[in-house]
Amino acid sequence: MFLGFILIFMAFKSFPQTMFILFAGIPTAIAGGVWLQYLFGYNFSVAVWVGFISIFGIVDDDSILITTYINDLFGKRKMKSVRDIRDTILMAGTRRIRPCIMTAATTFIGLMPILWSTGAGAEVAKPMAIPSIGGMAMALVSVFIIPCLNAWHKERKFKKALQKDPGIAETGIMV
């Protein structure tokens, strides 16, 4: 997890965005994985942890996808108001939600046969699939949390800059 933090921080050069990426999706994925694991009556095992680790990567990837697109849009536009920030975040969120939902759907659909399997190896494969399916289902919440957290962060930066220089509302600022 620490290595993931370092790599994401090096890519975004923003501590808040790194924290948003890591701590918006992973807790929801854990909640979904543990919930489904409880429903199916499985205990924690090495196979379950492998399932959790795999889902953490997918969830972080979706969060990185959205955050990268948000940063790209903010790099192309000057913000003159909080409304501009919200419109940009909304545009980024609506354009990137489909790829994230497609990732979740393919993961979910791809693992469903494993979940219902009864043949040889099912006792090992099922515990890996359960946290991945539950985590992916719940991680879709992070697709909505990440843009909200980025909007909050960008609005705070904009308001601080506006307090220092009220002329920003006329000329615009790169947030």
N, C-alpha and C. Protein backbone atom coordinates (compact mmCIF):
# COMPACT_ATOMS: atom_id res chain seq x y z
N MET A 1 0.83 -1.19 0.00
CA MET A 1 0.00 0.00 0.00
C MET A 1 0.88 1.25 0.00
N PHE A 2 1.97 1.21 0.76
CA PHE A 2 2.87 2.35 0.82
C PHE A 2 3.51 2.60 -0.55
N LEU A 3 3.90 1.54 -1.23
CA LEU A 3 4.48 1.68 -2.56
C LEU A 3 3.46 2.27 -3.53
N GLY A 4 2.23 1.83 -3.42
CA GLY A 4 1.16 2.40 -4.24
C GLY A 4 0.99 3.88 -3.98
N PHE A 5 1.03 4.27 -2.71
CA PHE A 5 0.93 5.68 -2.34
C PHE A 5 2.05 6.49 -2.99
N ILE A 6 3.27 6.00 -2.89
CA ILE A 6 4.43 6.70 -3.46
C ILE A 6 4.28 6.86 -4.97
N LEU A 7 3.90 5.79 -5.65
CA LEU A 7 3.76 5.84 -7.11
C LEU A 7 2.65 6.80 -7.54
N ILE A 8 1.53 6.76 -6.85
CA ILE A 8 0.43 7.67 -7.20
C ILE A 8 0.81 9.11 -6.89
N PHE A 9 1.48 9.33 -5.77
CA PHE A 9 1.92 10.68 -5.41
C PHE A 9 2.90 11.22 -6.45
N MET A 10 3.81 10.38 -6.91
CA MET A 10 4.77 10.82 -7.92
C MET A 10 4.07 11.17 -9.23
N ALA A 11 3.01 10.47 -9.54
CA ALA A 11 2.28 10.74 -10.79
C ALA A 11 1.47 12.04 -10.70
N PHE A 12 0.80 12.27 -9.59
CA PHE A 12 -0.10 13.43 -9.48
C PHE A 12 0.53 14.63 -8.80
N LYS A 13 1.58 14.42 -8.02
CA LYS A 13 2.25 15.50 -7.28
C LYS A 13 1.26 16.28 -6.43
N SER A 14 0.30 15.56 -5.89
CA SER A 14 -0.72 16.18 -5.05
C SER A 14 -1.07 15.21 -3.92
N PHE A 15 -0.77 15.61 -2.71
CA PHE A 15 -1.08 14.76 -1.56
C PHE A 15 -2.59 14.53 -1.42
N PRO A 16 -3.42 15.61 -1.51
CA PRO A 16 -4.86 15.37 -1.37
C PRO A 16 -5.42 14.41 -2.43
N GLN A 17 -5.02 14.58 -3.68
CA GLN A 17 -5.54 13.69 -4.72
C GLN A 17 -5.07 12.26 -4.51
N THR A 18 -3.85 12.09 -4.05
CA THR A 18 -3.36 10.74 -3.75
C THR A 18 -4.20 10.10 -2.65
N MET A 19 -4.51 10.86 -1.63
CA MET A 19 -5.34 10.35 -0.54
C MET A 19 -6.75 10.03 -1.03
N PHE A 20 -7.30 10.89 -1.89
CA PHE A 20 -8.64 10.63 -2.44
C PHE A 20 -8.65 9.31 -3.20
N ILE A 21 -7.63 9.10 -4.02
CA ILE A 21 -7.56 7.88 -4.84
C ILE A 21 -7.48 6.64 -3.95
N LEU A 22 -6.60 6.68 -2.97
CA LEU A 22 -6.40 5.50 -2.13
C LEU A 22 -7.53 5.25 -1.15
N PHE A 23 -8.07 6.31 -0.58
CA PHE A 23 -9.00 6.11 0.53
C PHE A 23 -10.46 6.39 0.18
N ALA A 24 -10.77 6.56 -1.07
CA ALA A 24 -12.18 6.63 -1.47
C ALA A 24 -12.65 5.27 -1.95
N GLY A 25 -11.82 4.60 -2.74
CA GLY A 25 -12.23 3.33 -3.32
C GLY A 25 -11.94 2.12 -2.47
N ILE A 26 -10.80 2.09 -1.82
CA ILE A 26 -10.40 0.90 -1.07
C ILE A 26 -11.35 0.60 0.11
N PRO A 27 -11.73 1.58 0.92
CA PRO A 27 -12.68 1.25 2.00
C PRO A 27 -14.02 0.73 1.49
N THR A 28 -14.52 1.30 0.39
CA THR A 28 -15.79 0.79 -0.14
C THR A 28 -15.62 -0.61 -0.70
N ALA A 29 -14.47 -0.89 -1.32
CA ALA A 29 -14.21 -2.24 -1.83
C ALA A 29 -14.10 -3.24 -0.68
N ILE A 30 -13.45 -2.84 0.39
CA ILE A 30 -13.35 -3.72 1.57
C ILE A 30 -14.75 -4.00 2.12
N ALA A 31 -15.56 -2.96 2.23
CA ALA A 31 -16.92 -3.14 2.76
C ALA A 31 -17.72 -4.11 1.90
N GLY A 32 -17.66 -3.94 0.59
CA GLY A 32 -18.39 -4.84 -0.31
C GLY A 32 -17.88 -6.26 -0.26
N GLY A 33 -16.56 -6.41 -0.22
CA GLY A 33 -15.97 -7.75 -0.17
C GLY A 33 -16.29 -8.47 1.12
N VAL A 34 -16.18 -7.76 2.24
CA VAL A 34 -16.48 -8.37 3.54
C VAL A 34 -17.97 -8.71 3.64
N TRP A 35 -18.81 -7.83 3.13
CA TRP A 35 -20.25 -8.06 3.15
C TRP A 35 -20.62 -9.33 2.38
N LEU A 36 -20.10 -9.48 1.16
CA LEU A 36 -20.42 -10.67 0.37
C LEU A 36 -19.78 -11.92 0.99
N GLN A 37 -18.61 -11.76 1.54
CA GLN A 37 -17.95 -12.87 2.22
C GLN A 37 -18.79 -13.34 3.40
N TYR A 38 -19.35 -12.41 4.14
CA TYR A 38 -20.23 -12.75 5.26
C TYR A 38 -21.49 -13.47 4.76
N LEU A 39 -22.09 -12.96 3.67
CA LEU A 39 -23.30 -13.59 3.13
C LEU A 39 -23.06 -15.03 2.69
N PHE A 40 -21.89 -15.29 2.12
CA PHE A 40 -21.57 -16.64 1.66
C PHE A 40 -20.96 -17.51 2.75
N GLY A 41 -20.65 -16.93 3.89
CA GLY A 41 -20.15 -17.69 5.02
C GLY A 41 -18.70 -18.13 4.93
N TYR A 42 -17.87 -17.38 4.22
CA TYR A 42 -16.45 -17.72 4.11
C TYR A 42 -15.64 -16.98 5.16
N ASN A 43 -14.63 -17.64 5.68
CA ASN A 43 -13.69 -17.02 6.61
C ASN A 43 -12.53 -16.42 5.83
N PHE A 44 -11.75 -15.57 6.49
CA PHE A 44 -10.57 -15.01 5.85
C PHE A 44 -9.53 -16.11 5.64
N SER A 45 -8.94 -16.10 4.46
CA SER A 45 -7.90 -17.07 4.11
C SER A 45 -6.97 -16.40 3.11
N VAL A 46 -5.95 -17.10 2.71
CA VAL A 46 -5.01 -16.56 1.71
C VAL A 46 -5.75 -16.27 0.41
N ALA A 47 -6.62 -17.16 0.01
CA ALA A 47 -7.38 -16.97 -1.23
C ALA A 47 -8.26 -15.72 -1.16
N VAL A 48 -8.87 -15.48 -0.02
CA VAL A 48 -9.70 -14.29 0.16
C VAL A 48 -8.84 -13.03 0.05
N TRP A 49 -7.66 -13.05 0.67
CA TRP A 49 -6.77 -11.89 0.59
C TRP A 49 -6.29 -11.64 -0.84
N VAL A 50 -6.08 -12.69 -1.59
CA VAL A 50 -5.71 -12.53 -3.01
C VAL A 50 -6.84 -11.82 -3.75
N GLY A 51 -8.07 -12.20 -3.46
CA GLY A 51 -9.22 -11.53 -4.06
C GLY A 51 -9.29 -10.06 -3.70
N PHE A 52 -9.02 -9.74 -2.43
CA PHE A 52 -9.03 -8.35 -2.00
C PHE A 52 -7.92 -7.55 -2.68
N ILE A 53 -6.73 -8.11 -2.75
CA ILE A 53 -5.61 -7.40 -3.37
C ILE A 53 -5.90 -7.12 -4.84
N SER A 54 -6.49 -8.07 -5.53
CA SER A 54 -6.81 -7.85 -6.95
C SER A 54 -7.84 -6.74 -7.12
N ILE A 55 -8.81 -6.69 -6.25
CA ILE A 55 -9.84 -5.66 -6.38
C ILE A 55 -9.30 -4.28 -6.03
N PHE A 56 -8.34 -4.21 -5.11
CA PHE A 56 -7.75 -2.91 -4.78
C PHE A 56 -7.10 -2.28 -6.00
N GLY A 57 -6.44 -3.10 -6.81
CA GLY A 57 -5.81 -2.58 -8.02
C GLY A 57 -6.82 -2.04 -9.01
N ILE A 58 -7.92 -2.74 -9.18
CA ILE A 58 -8.95 -2.29 -10.12
C ILE A 58 -9.60 -1.00 -9.63
N VAL A 59 -9.90 -0.95 -8.35
CA VAL A 59 -10.54 0.24 -7.77
C VAL A 59 -9.61 1.45 -7.89
N ASP A 60 -8.35 1.27 -7.57
CA ASP A 60 -7.40 2.37 -7.70
C ASP A 60 -7.27 2.81 -9.15
N ASP A 61 -7.29 1.87 -10.07
CA ASP A 61 -7.19 2.20 -11.48
C ASP A 61 -8.37 3.06 -11.93
N ASP A 62 -9.57 2.73 -11.50
CA ASP A 62 -10.74 3.54 -11.85
C ASP A 62 -10.62 4.95 -11.27
N SER A 63 -10.17 5.05 -10.03
CA SER A 63 -10.00 6.35 -9.39
C SER A 63 -8.93 7.18 -10.09
N ILE A 64 -7.86 6.53 -10.51
CA ILE A 64 -6.79 7.22 -11.24
C ILE A 64 -7.31 7.71 -12.59
N LEU A 65 -8.10 6.90 -13.26
CA LEU A 65 -8.68 7.28 -14.55
C LEU A 65 -9.50 8.55 -14.43
N ILE A 66 -10.36 8.61 -13.44
CA ILE A 66 -11.21 9.78 -13.26
C ILE A 66 -10.38 11.00 -12.86
N THR A 67 -9.45 10.83 -11.93
CA THR A 67 -8.63 11.94 -11.45
C THR A 67 -7.75 12.49 -12.57
N THR A 68 -7.20 11.63 -13.38
CA THR A 68 -6.37 12.08 -14.50
C THR A 68 -7.18 12.92 -15.47
N TYR A 69 -8.38 12.48 -15.77
CA TYR A 69 -9.23 13.24 -16.70
C TYR A 69 -9.64 14.57 -16.09
N ILE A 70 -9.93 14.58 -14.79
CA ILE A 70 -10.26 15.84 -14.11
C ILE A 70 -9.08 16.80 -14.23
N ASN A 71 -7.88 16.33 -13.94
CA ASN A 71 -6.69 17.19 -14.03
C ASN A 71 -6.46 17.68 -15.45
N ASP A 72 -6.68 16.82 -16.44
CA ASP A 72 -6.52 17.24 -17.84
C ASP A 72 -7.48 18.38 -18.19
N LEU A 73 -8.74 18.25 -17.77
CA LEU A 73 -9.70 19.32 -18.05
C LEU A 73 -9.36 20.61 -17.32
N PHE A 74 -8.89 20.50 -16.08
CA PHE A 74 -8.51 21.70 -15.35
C PHE A 74 -7.27 22.35 -15.94
N GLY A 75 -6.42 21.57 -16.58
CA GLY A 75 -5.24 22.12 -17.23
C GLY A 75 -5.56 22.89 -18.50
N LYS A 76 -6.74 22.65 -19.07
CA LYS A 76 -7.13 23.30 -20.32
C LYS A 76 -8.02 24.52 -20.12
N ARG A 77 -8.54 24.71 -18.92
CA ARG A 77 -9.51 25.78 -18.69
C ARG A 77 -9.08 26.67 -17.53
N LYS A 78 -9.44 27.93 -17.64
CA LYS A 78 -9.26 28.84 -16.51
C LYS A 78 -10.59 28.92 -15.77
N MET A 79 -10.51 28.83 -14.47
CA MET A 79 -11.71 28.86 -13.64
C MET A 79 -11.96 30.28 -13.16
N LYS A 80 -13.18 30.77 -13.42
CA LYS A 80 -13.55 32.11 -12.99
C LYS A 80 -14.54 32.09 -11.83
N SER A 81 -15.11 30.92 -11.57
CA SER A 81 -16.08 30.81 -10.49
C SER A 81 -16.15 29.37 -10.00
N VAL A 82 -16.80 29.21 -8.87
CA VAL A 82 -17.02 27.87 -8.33
C VAL A 82 -17.89 27.07 -9.30
N ARG A 83 -18.79 27.76 -9.97
CA ARG A 83 -19.66 27.09 -10.95
C ARG A 83 -18.83 26.48 -12.08
N ASP A 84 -17.79 27.18 -12.53
CA ASP A 84 -16.90 26.63 -13.56
C ASP A 84 -16.22 25.35 -13.07
N ILE A 85 -15.82 25.35 -11.81
CA ILE A 85 -15.17 24.16 -11.23
C ILE A 85 -16.15 23.00 -11.23
N ARG A 86 -17.36 23.26 -10.77
CA ARG A 86 -18.37 22.19 -10.69
C ARG A 86 -18.74 21.68 -12.08
N ASP A 87 -18.86 22.58 -13.04
CA ASP A 87 -19.17 22.15 -14.41
C ASP A 87 -18.06 21.27 -14.99
N THR A 88 -16.82 21.64 -14.72
CA THR A 88 -15.68 20.86 -15.21
C THR A 88 -15.64 19.48 -14.56
N ILE A 89 -15.88 19.43 -13.27
CA ILE A 89 -15.92 18.15 -12.55
C ILE A 89 -17.06 17.29 -13.09
N LEU A 90 -18.21 17.89 -13.30
CA LEU A 90 -19.36 17.15 -13.82
C LEU A 90 -19.07 16.60 -15.22
N MET A 91 -18.43 17.40 -16.04
CA MET A 91 -18.07 16.95 -17.39
C MET A 91 -17.10 15.76 -17.31
N ALA A 92 -16.10 15.88 -16.47
CA ALA A 92 -15.12 14.78 -16.33
C ALA A 92 -15.79 13.53 -15.80
N GLY A 93 -16.64 13.68 -14.80
CA GLY A 93 -17.31 12.53 -14.22
C GLY A 93 -18.23 11.82 -15.21
N THR A 94 -18.98 12.59 -15.98
CA THR A 94 -19.90 11.97 -16.94
C THR A 94 -19.16 11.31 -18.09
N ARG A 95 -18.02 11.84 -18.46
CA ARG A 95 -17.27 11.23 -19.57
C ARG A 95 -16.49 9.99 -19.15
N ARG A 96 -16.17 9.87 -17.89
CA ARG A 96 -15.36 8.73 -17.44
C ARG A 96 -16.15 7.67 -16.69
N ILE A 97 -17.42 7.90 -16.47
CA ILE A 97 -18.19 6.91 -15.72
C ILE A 97 -18.42 5.64 -16.53
N ARG A 98 -18.62 5.78 -17.83
CA ARG A 98 -18.87 4.59 -18.65
C ARG A 98 -17.69 3.62 -18.65
N PRO A 99 -16.45 4.06 -18.84
CA PRO A 99 -15.34 3.11 -18.75
C PRO A 99 -15.23 2.44 -17.38
N CYS A 100 -15.53 3.18 -16.32
CA CYS A 100 -15.47 2.58 -14.98
C CYS A 100 -16.57 1.55 -14.79
N ILE A 101 -17.75 1.84 -15.28
CA ILE A 101 -18.86 0.88 -15.17
C ILE A 101 -18.58 -0.34 -16.03
N MET A 102 -17.97 -0.14 -17.19
CA MET A 102 -17.63 -1.28 -18.04
C MET A 102 -16.58 -2.17 -17.36
N THR A 103 -15.62 -1.57 -16.69
CA THR A 103 -14.63 -2.35 -15.94
C THR A 103 -15.30 -3.16 -14.85
N ALA A 104 -16.20 -2.52 -14.12
CA ALA A 104 -16.92 -3.23 -13.06
C ALA A 104 -17.77 -4.36 -13.63
N ALA A 105 -18.46 -4.08 -14.72
CA ALA A 105 -19.34 -5.10 -15.31
C ALA A 105 -18.55 -6.30 -15.82
N THR A 106 -17.44 -6.05 -16.50
CA THR A 106 -16.66 -7.18 -17.01
C THR A 106 -16.05 -7.99 -15.88
N THR A 107 -15.61 -7.32 -14.83
CA THR A 107 -15.08 -8.04 -13.66
C THR A 107 -16.18 -8.87 -13.02
N PHE A 108 -17.31 -8.25 -12.81
CA PHE A 108 -18.45 -8.91 -12.18
C PHE A 108 -18.93 -10.10 -13.01
N ILE A 109 -19.15 -9.89 -14.28
CA ILE A 109 -19.65 -10.96 -15.16
C ILE A 109 -18.60 -12.06 -15.33
N GLY A 110 -17.35 -11.68 -15.41
CA GLY A 110 -16.28 -12.66 -15.57
C GLY A 110 -16.10 -13.57 -14.36
N LEU A 111 -16.41 -13.05 -13.18
CA LEU A 111 -16.23 -13.84 -11.96
C LEU A 111 -17.48 -14.60 -11.53
N MET A 112 -18.62 -14.28 -12.10
CA MET A 112 -19.86 -14.97 -11.71
C MET A 112 -19.79 -16.49 -11.94
N PRO A 113 -19.26 -16.97 -13.07
CA PRO A 113 -19.18 -18.43 -13.22
C PRO A 113 -18.32 -19.09 -12.13
N ILE A 114 -17.28 -18.42 -11.69
CA ILE A 114 -16.44 -18.96 -10.61
C ILE A 114 -17.25 -19.04 -9.32
N LEU A 115 -18.05 -18.02 -9.09
CA LEU A 115 -18.85 -17.99 -7.86
C LEU A 115 -19.82 -19.16 -7.78
N TRP A 116 -20.35 -19.59 -8.90
CA TRP A 116 -21.35 -20.66 -8.91
C TRP A 116 -20.75 -22.02 -9.29
N SER A 117 -19.44 -22.09 -9.44
CA SER A 117 -18.82 -23.35 -9.84
C SER A 117 -18.85 -24.38 -8.71
N THR A 118 -18.84 -25.65 -9.12
CA THR A 118 -18.86 -26.75 -8.13
C THR A 118 -17.78 -27.78 -8.42
N GLY A 119 -17.05 -27.63 -9.51
CA GLY A 119 -16.07 -28.64 -9.92
C GLY A 119 -14.77 -28.57 -9.13
N ALA A 120 -13.78 -29.26 -9.69
CA ALA A 120 -12.46 -29.31 -9.07
C ALA A 120 -11.86 -27.91 -9.00
N GLY A 121 -11.32 -27.56 -7.87
CA GLY A 121 -10.69 -26.26 -7.68
C GLY A 121 -11.65 -25.17 -7.23
N ALA A 122 -12.93 -25.47 -7.18
CA ALA A 122 -13.91 -24.46 -6.78
C ALA A 122 -13.69 -23.98 -5.35
N GLU A 123 -13.21 -24.88 -4.49
CA GLU A 123 -13.00 -24.50 -3.09
C GLU A 123 -11.88 -23.48 -2.93
N VAL A 124 -11.02 -23.35 -3.93
CA VAL A 124 -9.96 -22.34 -3.91
C VAL A 124 -10.39 -21.09 -4.67
N ALA A 125 -11.07 -21.28 -5.79
CA ALA A 125 -11.44 -20.16 -6.65
C ALA A 125 -12.56 -19.30 -6.05
N LYS A 126 -13.53 -19.92 -5.42
CA LYS A 126 -14.66 -19.17 -4.86
C LYS A 126 -14.22 -18.12 -3.84
N PRO A 127 -13.36 -18.48 -2.88
CA PRO A 127 -12.94 -17.46 -1.92
C PRO A 127 -12.19 -16.29 -2.55
N MET A 128 -11.59 -16.48 -3.72
CA MET A 128 -10.93 -15.37 -4.41
C MET A 128 -11.96 -14.50 -5.13
N ALA A 129 -12.99 -15.13 -5.67
CA ALA A 129 -13.99 -14.40 -6.45
C ALA A 129 -14.92 -13.58 -5.57
N ILE A 130 -15.24 -14.08 -4.40
CA ILE A 130 -16.23 -13.41 -3.55
C ILE A 130 -15.83 -11.99 -3.17
N PRO A 131 -14.64 -11.73 -2.62
CA PRO A 131 -14.31 -10.34 -2.30
C PRO A 131 -14.18 -9.47 -3.55
N SER A 132 -13.78 -10.06 -4.65
CA SER A 132 -13.66 -9.29 -5.89
C SER A 132 -15.03 -8.83 -6.39
N ILE A 133 -16.00 -9.73 -6.35
CA ILE A 133 -17.35 -9.38 -6.82
C ILE A 133 -17.99 -8.36 -5.88
N GLY A 134 -17.96 -8.63 -4.58
CA GLY A 134 -18.54 -7.70 -3.62
C GLY A 134 -17.83 -6.36 -3.61
N GLY A 135 -16.51 -6.40 -3.69
CA GLY A 135 -15.73 -5.17 -3.71
C GLY A 135 -15.98 -4.34 -4.95
N MET A 136 -16.10 -5.00 -6.08
CA MET A 136 -16.34 -4.27 -7.33
C MET A 136 -17.73 -3.65 -7.34
N ALA A 137 -18.71 -4.38 -6.82
CA ALA A 137 -20.06 -3.83 -6.76
C ALA A 137 -20.11 -2.58 -5.89
N MET A 138 -19.48 -2.63 -4.74
CA MET A 138 -19.48 -1.48 -3.84
C MET A 138 -18.53 -0.38 -4.30
N ALA A 139 -17.49 -0.74 -5.02
CA ALA A 139 -16.50 0.26 -5.46
C ALA A 139 -17.08 1.22 -6.48
N LEU A 140 -18.19 0.87 -7.08
CA LEU A 140 -18.83 1.81 -8.00
C LEU A 140 -19.21 3.11 -7.29
N VAL A 141 -19.37 3.04 -5.98
CA VAL A 141 -19.65 4.25 -5.20
C VAL A 141 -18.49 5.23 -5.33
N SER A 142 -17.27 4.72 -5.38
CA SER A 142 -16.10 5.60 -5.46
C SER A 142 -16.06 6.38 -6.76
N VAL A 143 -16.73 5.89 -7.79
CA VAL A 143 -16.80 6.61 -9.06
C VAL A 143 -17.52 7.95 -8.85
N PHE A 144 -18.38 8.01 -7.85
CA PHE A 144 -19.08 9.25 -7.54
C PHE A 144 -18.38 10.04 -6.43
N ILE A 145 -17.67 9.35 -5.56
CA ILE A 145 -16.98 10.01 -4.46
C ILE A 145 -15.77 10.80 -4.95
N ILE A 146 -14.99 10.23 -5.85
CA ILE A 146 -13.76 10.87 -6.33
C ILE A 146 -14.04 12.25 -6.95
N PRO A 147 -15.00 12.39 -7.86
CA PRO A 147 -15.27 13.74 -8.39
C PRO A 147 -15.72 14.72 -7.30
N CYS A 148 -16.51 14.26 -6.35
CA CYS A 148 -16.97 15.14 -5.27
C CYS A 148 -15.79 15.63 -4.42
N LEU A 149 -14.89 14.73 -4.09
CA LEU A 149 -13.71 15.12 -3.30
C LEU A 149 -12.82 16.08 -4.08
N ASN A 150 -12.65 15.83 -5.37
CA ASN A 150 -11.84 16.73 -6.19
C ASN A 150 -12.50 18.10 -6.31
N ALA A 151 -13.82 18.13 -6.44
CA ALA A 151 -14.53 19.42 -6.51
C ALA A 151 -14.34 20.19 -5.21
N TRP A 152 -14.48 19.51 -4.10
CA TRP A 152 -14.28 20.15 -2.80
C TRP A 152 -12.88 20.73 -2.69
N HIS A 153 -11.88 19.95 -3.09
CA HIS A 153 -10.48 20.39 -3.02
C HIS A 153 -10.22 21.58 -3.94
N LYS A 154 -10.69 21.50 -5.17
CA LYS A 154 -10.47 22.59 -6.14
C LYS A 154 -11.21 23.86 -5.71
N GLU A 155 -12.41 23.71 -5.17
CA GLU A 155 -13.16 24.88 -4.70
C GLU A 155 -12.45 25.56 -3.54
N ARG A 156 -11.90 24.79 -2.63
CA ARG A 156 -11.15 25.38 -1.51
C ARG A 156 -9.94 26.16 -2.03
N LYS A 157 -9.20 25.57 -2.99
CA LYS A 157 -8.04 26.26 -3.56
C LYS A 157 -8.48 27.55 -4.25
N PHE A 158 -9.59 27.49 -4.99
CA PHE A 158 -10.08 28.66 -5.71
C PHE A 158 -10.50 29.76 -4.73
N LYS A 159 -11.21 29.40 -3.68
CA LYS A 159 -11.67 30.39 -2.71
C LYS A 159 -10.51 31.04 -1.98
N LYS A 160 -9.47 30.26 -1.66
CA LYS A 160 -8.28 30.84 -1.03
C LYS A 160 -7.59 31.81 -1.98
N ALA A 161 -7.47 31.44 -3.24
CA ALA A 161 -6.85 32.32 -4.23
C ALA A 161 -7.69 33.58 -4.44
N LEU A 162 -9.00 33.44 -4.39
CA LEU A 162 -9.91 34.57 -4.57
C LEU A 162 -9.80 35.55 -3.40
N GLN A 163 -9.58 35.04 -2.19
CA GLN A 163 -9.39 35.91 -1.04
C GLN A 163 -8.10 36.72 -1.16
N LYS A 164 -7.06 36.11 -1.71
CA LYS A 164 -5.78 36.81 -1.87
C LYS A 164 -5.85 37.83 -2.99
N ASP A 165 -6.56 37.50 -4.08
CA ASP A 165 -6.63 38.38 -5.24
C ASP A 165 -8.05 38.32 -5.83
N PRO A 166 -8.92 39.28 -5.46
CA PRO A 166 -10.29 39.26 -5.97
C PRO A 166 -10.39 39.42 -7.49
N GLY A 167 -9.34 39.89 -8.13
CA GLY A 167 -9.35 40.05 -9.59
C GLY A 167 -9.36 38.73 -10.34
N ILE A 168 -9.14 37.64 -9.64
CA ILE A 168 -9.13 36.32 -10.27
C ILE A 168 -10.47 36.00 -10.91
N ALA A 169 -11.56 36.51 -10.31
CA ALA A 169 -12.89 36.23 -10.85
C ALA A 169 -13.04 36.77 -12.26
N GLU A 170 -12.26 37.79 -12.61
CA GLU A 170 -12.34 38.36 -13.96
C GLU A 170 -11.39 37.68 -14.94
N THR A 171 -10.18 37.41 -14.48
CA THR A 171 -9.17 36.84 -15.39
C THR A 171 -9.18 35.33 -15.42
N GLY A 172 -9.59 34.72 -14.34
CA GLY A 172 -9.58 33.26 -14.26
C GLY A 172 -8.27 32.75 -13.68
N ILE A 173 -8.31 31.53 -13.23
CA ILE A 173 -7.13 30.92 -12.62
C ILE A 173 -7.09 29.45 -12.99
N MET A 174 -5.89 28.93 -13.10
CA MET A 174 -5.71 27.49 -13.30
C MET A 174 -5.66 26.87 -11.92
N VAL A 175 -6.67 26.08 -11.57
CA VAL A 175 -6.74 25.49 -10.23
C VAL A 175 -6.08 24.15 -10.24
